[in-house]
Amino acid sequence: MNKVKPASQLIRNQGVALVIGLIMLTMVTLLAVTSMQSTTLQELMSSNLKDQMTAFEAAETAIHAAEEFLDSDQFNLGAFDNDFSDGLVKFSYDDIWSQIDWATDSEQVADIPGVTTAPRYVIQYIGPVTTELNQLNIENAYGQEAATDTLVEMFKITARGTGGSDNTVVVLETMYGIAN
């Protein structure tokens, strides 16, 4: 025979189910909130990385523009001086990127979409490299011997690029030589 449970025992069992349901609902809510915070953090990190890469590409564009200027017909060694008015500097300065006002003491490159401030560059004239030990092999990428009478004019290019915000800044430096 089936025994009928008293009503007081049924009410007690229903209360336990309610407590367990509330505990499970709280755990699922905490899991959802934690997941949402993690997703938000990952979105911020990927946005910052994109901004950093945009600034890096802008600085590379400025370096390329400086190299094109050095290879062009506009290039003249007499234009290099120390007044910082045109981005052409006669002597080499360590950490020039921290010593100049980029808005006025450098050469601006054309605007790039997605960048708040156009990239800029400074070219420093290092001087001729004539010793066989220090001479760069500009024309030959495979390491064969270069002629010892080749004169290489050396330049240090410093470029600055920004990303989608002016708070993201990348500064790149490279050496560039022109064989005469």
N, C-alpha and C. Protein backbone atom coordinates (compact mmCIF):
# COMPACT_ATOMS: atom_id res chain seq x y z
N MET A 1 0.80 -1.17 0.00
CA MET A 1 0.00 0.00 0.00
C MET A 1 0.85 1.25 0.00
N ASN A 2 0.30 2.23 -0.64
CA ASN A 2 1.00 3.51 -0.69
C ASN A 2 0.61 4.34 0.52
N LYS A 3 1.67 4.84 1.10
CA LYS A 3 1.42 5.70 2.25
C LYS A 3 1.42 7.14 1.77
N VAL A 4 0.56 7.89 2.26
CA VAL A 4 0.46 9.31 1.94
C VAL A 4 1.35 10.06 2.91
N LYS A 5 2.21 10.96 2.32
CA LYS A 5 3.10 11.76 3.16
C LYS A 5 2.34 12.92 3.76
N PRO A 6 2.68 13.25 4.95
CA PRO A 6 2.01 14.40 5.57
C PRO A 6 2.34 15.70 4.83
N ALA A 7 1.46 16.63 4.88
CA ALA A 7 1.61 17.92 4.19
C ALA A 7 2.82 18.70 4.70
N SER A 8 3.17 18.58 5.95
CA SER A 8 4.32 19.32 6.48
C SER A 8 5.63 18.85 5.86
N GLN A 9 5.74 17.56 5.54
CA GLN A 9 6.96 17.04 4.91
C GLN A 9 7.05 17.52 3.46
N LEU A 10 5.96 17.61 2.75
CA LEU A 10 5.96 18.12 1.38
C LEU A 10 6.39 19.59 1.33
N ILE A 11 5.94 20.38 2.25
CA ILE A 11 6.29 21.80 2.28
C ILE A 11 7.79 21.95 2.55
N ARG A 12 8.34 21.12 3.45
CA ARG A 12 9.77 21.17 3.75
C ARG A 12 10.59 20.80 2.51
N ASN A 13 10.18 19.81 1.76
CA ASN A 13 10.89 19.41 0.55
C ASN A 13 10.85 20.52 -0.50
N GLN A 14 9.76 21.19 -0.64
CA GLN A 14 9.66 22.28 -1.61
C GLN A 14 10.58 23.43 -1.22
N GLY A 15 10.81 23.69 0.00
CA GLY A 15 11.72 24.75 0.45
C GLY A 15 13.16 24.44 0.11
N VAL A 16 13.57 23.17 0.20
CA VAL A 16 14.93 22.76 -0.15
C VAL A 16 15.14 22.97 -1.64
N ALA A 17 14.17 22.63 -2.46
CA ALA A 17 14.29 22.82 -3.91
C ALA A 17 14.45 24.30 -4.24
N LEU A 18 13.75 25.15 -3.53
CA LEU A 18 13.87 26.59 -3.76
C LEU A 18 15.27 27.08 -3.41
N VAL A 19 15.82 26.63 -2.31
CA VAL A 19 17.18 27.05 -1.90
C VAL A 19 18.21 26.55 -2.91
N ILE A 20 18.12 25.32 -3.32
CA ILE A 20 19.06 24.77 -4.31
C ILE A 20 18.93 25.53 -5.62
N GLY A 21 17.74 25.84 -6.04
CA GLY A 21 17.52 26.62 -7.27
C GLY A 21 18.14 28.00 -7.18
N LEU A 22 18.00 28.67 -6.04
CA LEU A 22 18.60 30.00 -5.86
C LEU A 22 20.13 29.93 -5.86
N ILE A 23 20.69 28.91 -5.25
CA ILE A 23 22.16 28.73 -5.24
C ILE A 23 22.66 28.51 -6.67
N MET A 24 21.99 27.68 -7.43
CA MET A 24 22.40 27.43 -8.82
C MET A 24 22.25 28.69 -9.67
N LEU A 25 21.19 29.44 -9.47
CA LEU A 25 20.99 30.69 -10.21
C LEU A 25 22.10 31.70 -9.88
N THR A 26 22.51 31.77 -8.62
CA THR A 26 23.60 32.66 -8.22
C THR A 26 24.91 32.24 -8.87
N MET A 27 25.18 30.93 -8.92
CA MET A 27 26.41 30.44 -9.55
C MET A 27 26.43 30.76 -11.05
N VAL A 28 25.33 30.55 -11.71
CA VAL A 28 25.26 30.86 -13.15
C VAL A 28 25.43 32.36 -13.38
N THR A 29 24.85 33.18 -12.53
CA THR A 29 24.99 34.64 -12.65
C THR A 29 26.45 35.06 -12.47
N LEU A 30 27.14 34.51 -11.47
CA LEU A 30 28.56 34.82 -11.25
C LEU A 30 29.40 34.38 -12.44
N LEU A 31 29.10 33.22 -12.99
CA LEU A 31 29.82 32.74 -14.17
C LEU A 31 29.61 33.68 -15.36
N ALA A 32 28.40 34.14 -15.57
CA ALA A 32 28.09 35.05 -16.68
C ALA A 32 28.80 36.39 -16.50
N VAL A 33 28.80 36.93 -15.27
CA VAL A 33 29.46 38.21 -15.00
C VAL A 33 30.96 38.08 -15.22
N THR A 34 31.58 37.02 -14.74
CA THR A 34 33.01 36.79 -14.92
C THR A 34 33.36 36.65 -16.40
N SER A 35 32.54 35.92 -17.13
CA SER A 35 32.76 35.75 -18.57
C SER A 35 32.66 37.08 -19.30
N MET A 36 31.70 37.91 -18.91
CA MET A 36 31.53 39.21 -19.56
C MET A 36 32.72 40.13 -19.27
N GLN A 37 33.23 40.11 -18.04
CA GLN A 37 34.40 40.92 -17.70
C GLN A 37 35.61 40.47 -18.49
N SER A 38 35.79 39.17 -18.64
CA SER A 38 36.91 38.63 -19.41
C SER A 38 36.81 39.04 -20.88
N THR A 39 35.62 38.97 -21.43
CA THR A 39 35.41 39.36 -22.82
C THR A 39 35.70 40.85 -23.02
N THR A 40 35.27 41.68 -22.09
CA THR A 40 35.52 43.11 -22.17
C THR A 40 37.01 43.40 -22.11
N LEU A 41 37.74 42.72 -21.24
CA LEU A 41 39.18 42.90 -21.13
C LEU A 41 39.88 42.47 -22.42
N GLN A 42 39.47 41.35 -22.99
CA GLN A 42 40.06 40.89 -24.24
C GLN A 42 39.79 41.87 -25.38
N GLU A 43 38.61 42.45 -25.39
CA GLU A 43 38.28 43.44 -26.42
C GLU A 43 39.18 44.68 -26.29
N LEU A 44 39.41 45.13 -25.06
CA LEU A 44 40.30 46.27 -24.84
C LEU A 44 41.72 45.95 -25.27
N MET A 45 42.19 44.75 -24.95
CA MET A 45 43.56 44.37 -25.34
C MET A 45 43.71 44.31 -26.85
N SER A 46 42.73 43.74 -27.54
CA SER A 46 42.83 43.66 -28.99
C SER A 46 42.73 45.05 -29.63
N SER A 47 41.93 45.93 -29.05
CA SER A 47 41.84 47.31 -29.55
C SER A 47 43.17 48.05 -29.37
N ASN A 48 43.81 47.85 -28.22
CA ASN A 48 45.12 48.48 -27.99
C ASN A 48 46.18 47.93 -28.93
N LEU A 49 46.13 46.63 -29.18
CA LEU A 49 47.09 46.02 -30.11
C LEU A 49 46.90 46.57 -31.52
N LYS A 50 45.65 46.72 -31.94
CA LYS A 50 45.37 47.28 -33.26
C LYS A 50 45.89 48.71 -33.36
N ASP A 51 45.68 49.50 -32.31
CA ASP A 51 46.16 50.87 -32.28
C ASP A 51 47.69 50.92 -32.33
N GLN A 52 48.35 50.02 -31.61
CA GLN A 52 49.82 49.94 -31.62
C GLN A 52 50.34 49.56 -33.01
N MET A 53 49.68 48.62 -33.66
CA MET A 53 50.10 48.21 -35.00
C MET A 53 49.88 49.34 -36.01
N THR A 54 48.81 50.10 -35.85
CA THR A 54 48.56 51.24 -36.73
C THR A 54 49.67 52.27 -36.57
N ALA A 55 50.08 52.54 -35.34
CA ALA A 55 51.17 53.49 -35.09
C ALA A 55 52.48 52.97 -35.67
N PHE A 56 52.73 51.68 -35.55
CA PHE A 56 53.94 51.07 -36.11
C PHE A 56 53.97 51.22 -37.63
N GLU A 57 52.85 50.94 -38.27
CA GLU A 57 52.77 51.08 -39.73
C GLU A 57 52.95 52.53 -40.15
N ALA A 58 52.43 53.47 -39.37
CA ALA A 58 52.60 54.89 -39.69
C ALA A 58 54.08 55.27 -39.59
N ALA A 59 54.78 54.79 -38.57
CA ALA A 59 56.21 55.08 -38.43
C ALA A 59 57.00 54.45 -39.58
N GLU A 60 56.64 53.23 -39.98
CA GLU A 60 57.30 52.60 -41.13
C GLU A 60 57.07 53.40 -42.41
N THR A 61 55.87 53.96 -42.56
CA THR A 61 55.57 54.80 -43.72
C THR A 61 56.48 56.02 -43.73
N ALA A 62 56.71 56.61 -42.56
CA ALA A 62 57.59 57.77 -42.47
C ALA A 62 59.03 57.40 -42.83
N ILE A 63 59.49 56.23 -42.38
CA ILE A 63 60.85 55.78 -42.74
C ILE A 63 60.96 55.59 -44.25
N HIS A 64 59.95 54.99 -44.84
CA HIS A 64 59.96 54.78 -46.30
C HIS A 64 59.98 56.12 -47.04
N ALA A 65 59.22 57.09 -46.55
CA ALA A 65 59.20 58.42 -47.17
C ALA A 65 60.58 59.09 -47.05
N ALA A 66 61.24 58.93 -45.92
CA ALA A 66 62.58 59.50 -45.75
C ALA A 66 63.58 58.84 -46.68
N GLU A 67 63.50 57.53 -46.84
CA GLU A 67 64.40 56.83 -47.76
C GLU A 67 64.15 57.28 -49.20
N GLU A 68 62.88 57.47 -49.56
CA GLU A 68 62.57 57.97 -50.90
C GLU A 68 63.13 59.37 -51.11
N PHE A 69 63.06 60.22 -50.07
CA PHE A 69 63.62 61.56 -50.16
C PHE A 69 65.12 61.49 -50.39
N LEU A 70 65.82 60.61 -49.66
CA LEU A 70 67.28 60.49 -49.83
C LEU A 70 67.65 59.97 -51.22
N ASP A 71 66.79 59.18 -51.82
CA ASP A 71 67.06 58.64 -53.15
C ASP A 71 66.57 59.57 -54.27
N SER A 72 65.89 60.65 -53.94
CA SER A 72 65.29 61.52 -54.96
C SER A 72 66.26 62.60 -55.43
N ASP A 73 65.80 63.35 -56.42
CA ASP A 73 66.58 64.47 -56.95
C ASP A 73 66.55 65.66 -56.00
N GLN A 74 65.63 65.70 -55.04
CA GLN A 74 65.53 66.80 -54.09
C GLN A 74 66.63 66.75 -53.04
N PHE A 75 67.27 65.60 -52.90
CA PHE A 75 68.28 65.40 -51.88
C PHE A 75 69.52 66.26 -52.15
N ASN A 76 69.97 66.97 -51.11
CA ASN A 76 71.15 67.82 -51.20
C ASN A 76 71.83 67.83 -49.83
N LEU A 77 73.08 67.41 -49.78
CA LEU A 77 73.80 67.38 -48.50
C LEU A 77 73.91 68.77 -47.87
N GLY A 78 73.89 69.81 -48.68
CA GLY A 78 74.00 71.17 -48.16
C GLY A 78 72.80 71.60 -47.34
N ALA A 79 71.68 70.87 -47.45
CA ALA A 79 70.47 71.23 -46.70
C ALA A 79 70.54 70.79 -45.24
N PHE A 80 71.51 69.95 -44.89
CA PHE A 80 71.62 69.46 -43.53
C PHE A 80 72.30 70.51 -42.66
N ASP A 81 71.60 70.91 -41.58
CA ASP A 81 72.13 71.90 -40.64
C ASP A 81 71.65 71.51 -39.25
N ASN A 82 71.82 72.37 -38.29
CA ASN A 82 71.40 72.04 -36.93
C ASN A 82 70.31 72.96 -36.40
N ASP A 83 69.54 73.58 -37.28
CA ASP A 83 68.48 74.45 -36.78
C ASP A 83 67.15 73.71 -36.59
N PHE A 84 67.11 72.44 -36.95
CA PHE A 84 65.93 71.59 -36.75
C PHE A 84 64.68 72.15 -37.42
N SER A 85 64.83 72.97 -38.45
CA SER A 85 63.66 73.59 -39.06
C SER A 85 62.99 72.69 -40.10
N ASP A 86 63.73 71.77 -40.68
CA ASP A 86 63.18 70.99 -41.78
C ASP A 86 63.35 69.48 -41.63
N GLY A 87 63.76 69.04 -40.46
CA GLY A 87 63.93 67.61 -40.25
C GLY A 87 65.23 67.06 -40.78
N LEU A 88 66.13 67.92 -41.24
CA LEU A 88 67.44 67.49 -41.74
C LEU A 88 68.51 68.02 -40.79
N VAL A 89 69.19 67.12 -40.09
CA VAL A 89 70.13 67.50 -39.05
C VAL A 89 71.53 67.04 -39.46
N LYS A 90 72.53 67.91 -39.24
CA LYS A 90 73.87 67.61 -39.70
C LYS A 90 74.62 66.63 -38.81
N PHE A 91 74.42 66.69 -37.51
CA PHE A 91 75.16 65.82 -36.61
C PHE A 91 74.25 64.80 -35.97
N SER A 92 74.85 63.72 -35.52
CA SER A 92 74.08 62.65 -34.90
C SER A 92 73.87 62.93 -33.42
N TYR A 93 72.64 62.83 -33.00
CA TYR A 93 72.28 62.98 -31.60
C TYR A 93 71.68 61.67 -31.12
N ASP A 94 72.13 61.21 -29.96
CA ASP A 94 71.49 60.03 -29.36
C ASP A 94 70.11 60.43 -28.87
N ASP A 95 69.19 59.55 -29.03
CA ASP A 95 67.82 59.78 -28.56
C ASP A 95 67.25 61.11 -29.03
N ILE A 96 67.43 61.41 -30.30
CA ILE A 96 66.90 62.67 -30.84
C ILE A 96 65.39 62.73 -30.70
N TRP A 97 64.75 61.55 -30.70
CA TRP A 97 63.30 61.49 -30.61
C TRP A 97 62.77 62.11 -29.32
N SER A 98 63.59 62.12 -28.27
CA SER A 98 63.13 62.70 -27.00
C SER A 98 63.57 64.16 -26.83
N GLN A 99 64.38 64.68 -27.76
CA GLN A 99 64.95 66.02 -27.62
C GLN A 99 64.29 67.06 -28.52
N ILE A 100 63.48 66.62 -29.46
CA ILE A 100 62.92 67.59 -30.42
C ILE A 100 61.42 67.73 -30.22
N ASP A 101 60.89 68.82 -30.77
CA ASP A 101 59.44 69.01 -30.84
C ASP A 101 58.99 68.45 -32.18
N TRP A 102 58.31 67.32 -32.14
CA TRP A 102 57.96 66.63 -33.38
C TRP A 102 57.03 67.45 -34.27
N ALA A 103 56.28 68.36 -33.69
CA ALA A 103 55.34 69.15 -34.49
C ALA A 103 56.07 70.18 -35.36
N THR A 104 57.24 70.65 -34.94
CA THR A 104 57.92 71.72 -35.68
C THR A 104 59.30 71.33 -36.19
N ASP A 105 59.96 70.37 -35.58
CA ASP A 105 61.36 70.07 -35.90
C ASP A 105 61.53 68.86 -36.81
N SER A 106 60.47 68.43 -37.46
CA SER A 106 60.55 67.24 -38.29
C SER A 106 59.75 67.44 -39.57
N GLU A 107 59.93 66.51 -40.49
CA GLU A 107 59.23 66.57 -41.77
C GLU A 107 57.98 65.70 -41.71
N GLN A 108 56.86 66.26 -42.15
CA GLN A 108 55.59 65.53 -42.10
C GLN A 108 55.38 64.72 -43.37
N VAL A 109 54.83 63.53 -43.18
CA VAL A 109 54.46 62.66 -44.29
C VAL A 109 52.98 62.88 -44.56
N ALA A 110 52.51 62.50 -45.73
CA ALA A 110 51.09 62.65 -46.06
C ALA A 110 50.21 61.94 -45.04
N ASP A 111 48.99 62.47 -44.88
CA ASP A 111 48.05 61.88 -43.93
C ASP A 111 47.74 60.43 -44.28
N ILE A 112 47.54 59.64 -43.23
CA ILE A 112 47.19 58.23 -43.39
C ILE A 112 45.82 58.02 -42.74
N PRO A 113 44.91 57.33 -43.41
CA PRO A 113 43.59 57.08 -42.80
C PRO A 113 43.72 56.27 -41.50
N GLY A 114 42.94 56.64 -40.50
CA GLY A 114 42.95 55.92 -39.24
C GLY A 114 43.98 56.40 -38.24
N VAL A 115 44.76 57.41 -38.62
CA VAL A 115 45.81 57.94 -37.75
C VAL A 115 45.44 59.37 -37.38
N THR A 116 45.53 59.72 -36.10
CA THR A 116 45.12 61.06 -35.68
C THR A 116 46.12 62.14 -36.09
N THR A 117 47.41 61.82 -36.03
CA THR A 117 48.45 62.78 -36.41
C THR A 117 49.31 62.15 -37.49
N ALA A 118 49.58 62.90 -38.54
CA ALA A 118 50.38 62.38 -39.65
C ALA A 118 51.77 62.00 -39.15
N PRO A 119 52.34 60.90 -39.68
CA PRO A 119 53.69 60.50 -39.26
C PRO A 119 54.73 61.53 -39.68
N ARG A 120 55.85 61.55 -38.94
CA ARG A 120 56.91 62.53 -39.19
C ARG A 120 58.26 61.83 -39.10
N TYR A 121 59.28 62.46 -39.71
CA TYR A 121 60.63 61.89 -39.63
C TYR A 121 61.68 62.98 -39.51
N VAL A 122 62.84 62.55 -39.00
CA VAL A 122 64.04 63.38 -38.93
C VAL A 122 65.16 62.55 -39.54
N ILE A 123 65.97 63.19 -40.39
CA ILE A 123 67.13 62.52 -40.98
C ILE A 123 68.39 63.18 -40.43
N GLN A 124 69.25 62.37 -39.83
CA GLN A 124 70.53 62.88 -39.32
C GLN A 124 71.64 62.42 -40.26
N TYR A 125 72.49 63.36 -40.67
CA TYR A 125 73.62 63.02 -41.52
C TYR A 125 74.76 62.53 -40.62
N ILE A 126 75.16 61.29 -40.80
CA ILE A 126 76.23 60.71 -39.99
C ILE A 126 77.59 61.04 -40.60
N GLY A 127 77.68 60.94 -41.91
CA GLY A 127 78.93 61.21 -42.61
C GLY A 127 79.31 60.06 -43.52
N PRO A 128 80.43 60.22 -44.21
CA PRO A 128 80.86 59.15 -45.12
C PRO A 128 81.52 58.00 -44.35
N VAL A 129 81.32 56.81 -44.86
CA VAL A 129 81.97 55.62 -44.33
C VAL A 129 82.97 55.19 -45.38
N THR A 130 84.24 55.24 -45.02
CA THR A 130 85.27 54.95 -46.02
C THR A 130 86.16 53.78 -45.64
N THR A 131 86.25 53.42 -44.39
CA THR A 131 87.15 52.33 -44.01
C THR A 131 86.57 51.00 -44.44
N GLU A 132 87.44 50.12 -44.82
CA GLU A 132 86.98 48.82 -45.32
C GLU A 132 86.26 48.05 -44.21
N LEU A 133 86.70 48.20 -42.98
CA LEU A 133 86.08 47.49 -41.87
C LEU A 133 84.64 47.96 -41.63
N ASN A 134 84.39 49.27 -41.73
CA ASN A 134 83.08 49.82 -41.41
C ASN A 134 82.17 50.02 -42.62
N GLN A 135 82.69 49.80 -43.80
CA GLN A 135 81.91 50.10 -45.00
C GLN A 135 80.75 49.14 -45.17
N LEU A 136 79.59 49.67 -45.46
CA LEU A 136 78.42 48.83 -45.68
C LEU A 136 78.37 48.42 -47.13
N ASN A 137 77.90 47.23 -47.34
CA ASN A 137 77.77 46.70 -48.69
C ASN A 137 76.34 46.97 -49.15
N ILE A 138 76.10 48.20 -49.61
CA ILE A 138 74.75 48.64 -49.95
C ILE A 138 74.20 47.92 -51.17
N GLU A 139 74.97 47.81 -52.22
CA GLU A 139 74.47 47.31 -53.49
C GLU A 139 74.37 45.79 -53.54
N ASN A 140 75.06 45.08 -52.66
CA ASN A 140 75.16 43.64 -52.78
C ASN A 140 74.56 42.97 -51.56
N ALA A 141 73.44 42.33 -51.72
CA ALA A 141 72.75 41.71 -50.59
C ALA A 141 73.31 40.32 -50.27
N TYR A 142 74.21 39.78 -51.11
CA TYR A 142 74.68 38.42 -50.90
C TYR A 142 76.05 38.35 -50.25
N GLY A 143 76.63 39.48 -49.86
CA GLY A 143 77.85 39.47 -49.08
C GLY A 143 79.14 39.36 -49.86
N GLN A 144 79.12 39.52 -51.18
CA GLN A 144 80.37 39.51 -51.92
C GLN A 144 81.15 40.77 -51.57
N GLU A 145 82.41 40.77 -51.89
CA GLU A 145 83.29 41.89 -51.58
C GLU A 145 82.83 43.15 -52.33
N ALA A 146 82.82 44.26 -51.60
CA ALA A 146 82.51 45.55 -52.21
C ALA A 146 83.81 46.22 -52.59
N ALA A 147 83.74 47.09 -53.56
CA ALA A 147 84.94 47.83 -53.96
C ALA A 147 85.38 48.72 -52.80
N THR A 148 86.68 48.77 -52.54
CA THR A 148 87.17 49.53 -51.39
C THR A 148 87.16 51.03 -51.65
N ASP A 149 86.99 51.44 -52.89
CA ASP A 149 86.98 52.87 -53.19
C ASP A 149 85.57 53.46 -53.17
N THR A 150 84.56 52.64 -52.86
CA THR A 150 83.18 53.11 -52.81
C THR A 150 82.98 53.93 -51.54
N LEU A 151 82.41 55.10 -51.70
CA LEU A 151 82.11 55.97 -50.56
C LEU A 151 80.63 55.84 -50.24
N VAL A 152 80.31 55.59 -48.99
CA VAL A 152 78.92 55.45 -48.57
C VAL A 152 78.59 56.58 -47.61
N GLU A 153 77.60 57.39 -47.99
CA GLU A 153 77.12 58.45 -47.11
C GLU A 153 76.06 57.84 -46.19
N MET A 154 76.26 57.94 -44.88
CA MET A 154 75.37 57.30 -43.92
C MET A 154 74.41 58.31 -43.28
N PHE A 155 73.17 57.87 -43.08
CA PHE A 155 72.13 58.69 -42.48
C PHE A 155 71.40 57.85 -41.42
N LYS A 156 70.98 58.52 -40.38
CA LYS A 156 70.15 57.88 -39.35
C LYS A 156 68.75 58.50 -39.47
N ILE A 157 67.78 57.66 -39.77
CA ILE A 157 66.39 58.12 -39.92
C ILE A 157 65.63 57.75 -38.64
N THR A 158 64.99 58.74 -38.05
CA THR A 158 64.14 58.53 -36.89
C THR A 158 62.72 58.92 -37.28
N ALA A 159 61.80 58.01 -37.10
CA ALA A 159 60.41 58.26 -37.51
C ALA A 159 59.48 58.07 -36.31
N ARG A 160 58.40 58.86 -36.32
CA ARG A 160 57.41 58.80 -35.25
C ARG A 160 56.02 58.65 -35.87
N GLY A 161 55.28 57.67 -35.39
CA GLY A 161 53.93 57.45 -35.87
C GLY A 161 52.98 57.33 -34.69
N THR A 162 51.74 57.73 -34.91
CA THR A 162 50.71 57.58 -33.88
C THR A 162 49.61 56.68 -34.43
N GLY A 163 48.80 56.18 -33.52
CA GLY A 163 47.70 55.31 -33.93
C GLY A 163 46.40 56.09 -33.99
N GLY A 164 45.32 55.42 -33.64
CA GLY A 164 44.01 56.05 -33.63
C GLY A 164 43.87 57.11 -32.56
N SER A 165 44.80 57.12 -31.61
CA SER A 165 44.84 58.16 -30.58
C SER A 165 46.27 58.66 -30.47
N ASP A 166 46.42 59.91 -30.07
CA ASP A 166 47.77 60.47 -29.93
C ASP A 166 48.50 59.90 -28.73
N ASN A 167 47.83 59.13 -27.90
CA ASN A 167 48.49 58.49 -26.77
C ASN A 167 49.30 57.27 -27.18
N THR A 168 49.02 56.73 -28.35
CA THR A 168 49.75 55.58 -28.87
C THR A 168 50.82 56.08 -29.82
N VAL A 169 52.08 55.96 -29.41
CA VAL A 169 53.20 56.49 -30.19
C VAL A 169 54.24 55.38 -30.40
N VAL A 170 54.73 55.28 -31.63
CA VAL A 170 55.82 54.36 -31.96
C VAL A 170 56.93 55.19 -32.60
N VAL A 171 58.15 55.01 -32.11
CA VAL A 171 59.32 55.67 -32.67
C VAL A 171 60.26 54.58 -33.19
N LEU A 172 60.64 54.70 -34.46
CA LEU A 172 61.56 53.75 -35.09
C LEU A 172 62.79 54.49 -35.57
N GLU A 173 63.93 53.82 -35.51
CA GLU A 173 65.17 54.37 -36.04
C GLU A 173 65.81 53.34 -36.96
N THR A 174 66.44 53.83 -38.01
CA THR A 174 67.14 52.96 -38.93
C THR A 174 68.33 53.71 -39.51
N MET A 175 69.30 52.96 -39.97
CA MET A 175 70.45 53.54 -40.67
C MET A 175 70.23 53.31 -42.16
N TYR A 176 70.63 54.30 -42.95
CA TYR A 176 70.44 54.23 -44.40
C TYR A 176 71.69 54.76 -45.05
N GLY A 177 72.19 54.05 -46.03
CA GLY A 177 73.40 54.47 -46.72
C GLY A 177 73.17 54.65 -48.19
N ILE A 178 73.87 55.64 -48.76
CA ILE A 178 73.79 55.89 -50.19
C ILE A 178 75.21 55.76 -50.74
N ALA A 179 75.41 54.81 -51.64
CA ALA A 179 76.72 54.59 -52.25
C ALA A 179 76.94 55.62 -53.35
N ASN A 180 78.12 56.19 -53.35
CA ASN A 180 78.49 57.16 -54.41
C ASN A 180 79.39 56.50 -55.42
